[in-house]
Amino acid sequence: MRGIVLYIEGRDAMKCPKCRGRMYAEKYYDFVRAFDAWKCCSCGEVIDPTILANRARNHNLHLG
């Protein structure tokens, strides 16, 4: 798996770490809360702070 890096390209544009497609911000809702995440237009990959933290923990990385 590639490193956990999101590439910022200009205003609010990001590249997907999986396919390098364009990502856009989207709001998600569960039973308890609402949260923002990035979703890829091409492959559907979803990235949010919880996903990044879990991936970092699983790869023994430290974020922040």
C-alpha atoms as a PDB file:
ATOM      1  CA  MET A   1       0.000   0.000   0.000  1.00  0.00           C
ATOM      2  CA  ARG A   2       1.171   3.497  -0.755  1.00  0.00           C
ATOM      3  CA  GLY A   3       1.848   5.990   2.002  1.00  0.00           C
ATOM      4  CA  ILE A   4      -1.033   7.818   3.610  1.00  0.00           C
ATOM      5  CA  VAL A   5      -0.680  11.165   1.892  1.00  0.00           C
ATOM      6  CA  LEU A   6      -3.352  13.336   0.358  1.00  0.00           C
ATOM      7  CA  TYR A   7      -2.124  15.646  -2.334  1.00  0.00           C
ATOM      8  CA  ILE A   8      -3.504  19.168  -2.335  1.00  0.00           C
ATOM      9  CA  GLU A   9      -3.785  20.754  -5.804  1.00  0.00           C
ATOM     10  CA  GLY A  10      -5.226  24.212  -5.604  1.00  0.00           C
ATOM     11  CA  ARG A  11      -8.356  25.244  -3.792  1.00  0.00           C
ATOM     12  CA  ASP A  12     -10.131  22.326  -2.103  1.00  0.00           C
ATOM     13  CA  ALA A  13      -8.880  19.852  -4.741  1.00  0.00           C
ATOM     14  CA  MET A  14      -7.121  16.673  -3.690  1.00  0.00           C
ATOM     15  CA  LYS A  15      -5.797  13.573  -5.413  1.00  0.00           C
ATOM     16  CA  CYS A  16      -6.858  10.108  -4.314  1.00  0.00           C
ATOM     17  CA  PRO A  17      -4.066   8.082  -2.687  1.00  0.00           C
ATOM     18  CA  LYS A  18      -5.449   4.933  -4.352  1.00  0.00           C
ATOM     19  CA  CYS A  19      -5.964   5.947  -8.018  1.00  0.00           C
ATOM     20  CA  ARG A  20      -4.789   9.610  -8.135  1.00  0.00           C
ATOM     21  CA  GLY A  21      -8.288  10.685  -9.216  1.00  0.00           C
ATOM     22  CA  ARG A  22      -9.914  13.931  -8.103  1.00  0.00           C
ATOM     23  CA  MET A  23     -11.454  13.960  -4.635  1.00  0.00           C
ATOM     24  CA  TYR A  24     -14.247  16.181  -3.381  1.00  0.00           C
ATOM     25  CA  ALA A  25     -15.576  17.015   0.075  1.00  0.00           C
ATOM     26  CA  GLU A  26     -18.801  15.302   1.098  1.00  0.00           C
ATOM     27  CA  LYS A  27     -20.850  15.281   4.309  1.00  0.00           C
ATOM     28  CA  TYR A  28     -21.781  11.902   5.815  1.00  0.00           C
ATOM     29  CA  TYR A  29     -24.317  11.121   8.525  1.00  0.00           C
ATOM     30  CA  ASP A  30     -24.585   8.228  10.959  1.00  0.00           C
ATOM     31  CA  PHE A  31     -26.948   7.702  13.885  1.00  0.00           C
ATOM     32  CA  VAL A  32     -24.923   9.890  16.244  1.00  0.00           C
ATOM     33  CA  ARG A  33     -23.154  12.566  14.235  1.00  0.00           C
ATOM     34  CA  ALA A  34     -22.397  14.164  10.903  1.00  0.00           C
ATOM     35  CA  PHE A  35     -18.858  14.350   9.559  1.00  0.00           C
ATOM     36  CA  ASP A  36     -16.981  15.563   6.491  1.00  0.00           C
ATOM     37  CA  ALA A  37     -14.797  13.313   4.369  1.00  0.00           C
ATOM     38  CA  TRP A  38     -13.110  13.276   0.974  1.00  0.00           C
ATOM     39  CA  LYS A  39     -14.530  10.989  -1.734  1.00  0.00           C
ATOM     40  CA  CYS A  40     -12.861  10.048  -5.028  1.00  0.00           C
ATOM     41  CA  CYS A  41     -14.819  10.694  -8.230  1.00  0.00           C
ATOM     42  CA  SER A  42     -13.103   7.772  -9.980  1.00  0.00           C
ATOM     43  CA  CYS A  43     -12.828   4.845  -7.565  1.00  0.00           C
ATOM     44  CA  GLY A  44     -15.108   5.885  -4.677  1.00  0.00           C
ATOM     45  CA  GLU A  45     -12.364   5.825  -2.000  1.00  0.00           C
ATOM     46  CA  VAL A  46     -13.494   7.702   1.133  1.00  0.00           C
ATOM     47  CA  ILE A  47     -10.973   9.377   3.454  1.00  0.00           C
ATOM     48  CA  ASP A  48     -11.719  11.037   6.782  1.00  0.00           C
ATOM     49  CA  PRO A  49      -9.618  11.725   9.902  1.00  0.00           C
ATOM     50  CA  THR A  50     -10.714   8.451  11.560  1.00  0.00           C
ATOM     51  CA  ILE A  51      -9.764   6.376   8.516  1.00  0.00           C
ATOM     52  CA  LEU A  52      -6.373   8.110   8.320  1.00  0.00           C
ATOM     53  CA  ALA A  53      -5.714   7.554  12.035  1.00  0.00           C
ATOM     54  CA  ASN A  54      -6.619   3.861  11.789  1.00  0.00           C
ATOM     55  CA  ARG A  55      -4.420   3.353   8.727  1.00  0.00           C
ATOM     56  CA  ALA A  56      -1.547   5.153  10.421  1.00  0.00           C
ATOM     57  CA  ARG A  57      -1.938   3.027  13.554  1.00  0.00           C
ATOM     58  CA  ASN A  58      -2.001  -0.153  11.463  1.00  0.00           C
ATOM     59  CA  HIS A  59       1.173   0.909   9.668  1.00  0.00           C
ATOM     60  CA  ASN A  60       2.910   2.154  12.847  1.00  0.00           C
ATOM     61  CA  LEU A  61       2.963   5.735  11.615  1.00  0.00           C
ATOM     62  CA  HIS A  62       2.438   8.867  13.653  1.00  0.00           C
ATOM     63  CA  LEU A  63       0.263  11.648  12.263  1.00  0.00           C
ATOM     64  CA  GLY A  64       0.543  15.188  13.506  1.00  0.00           C
END
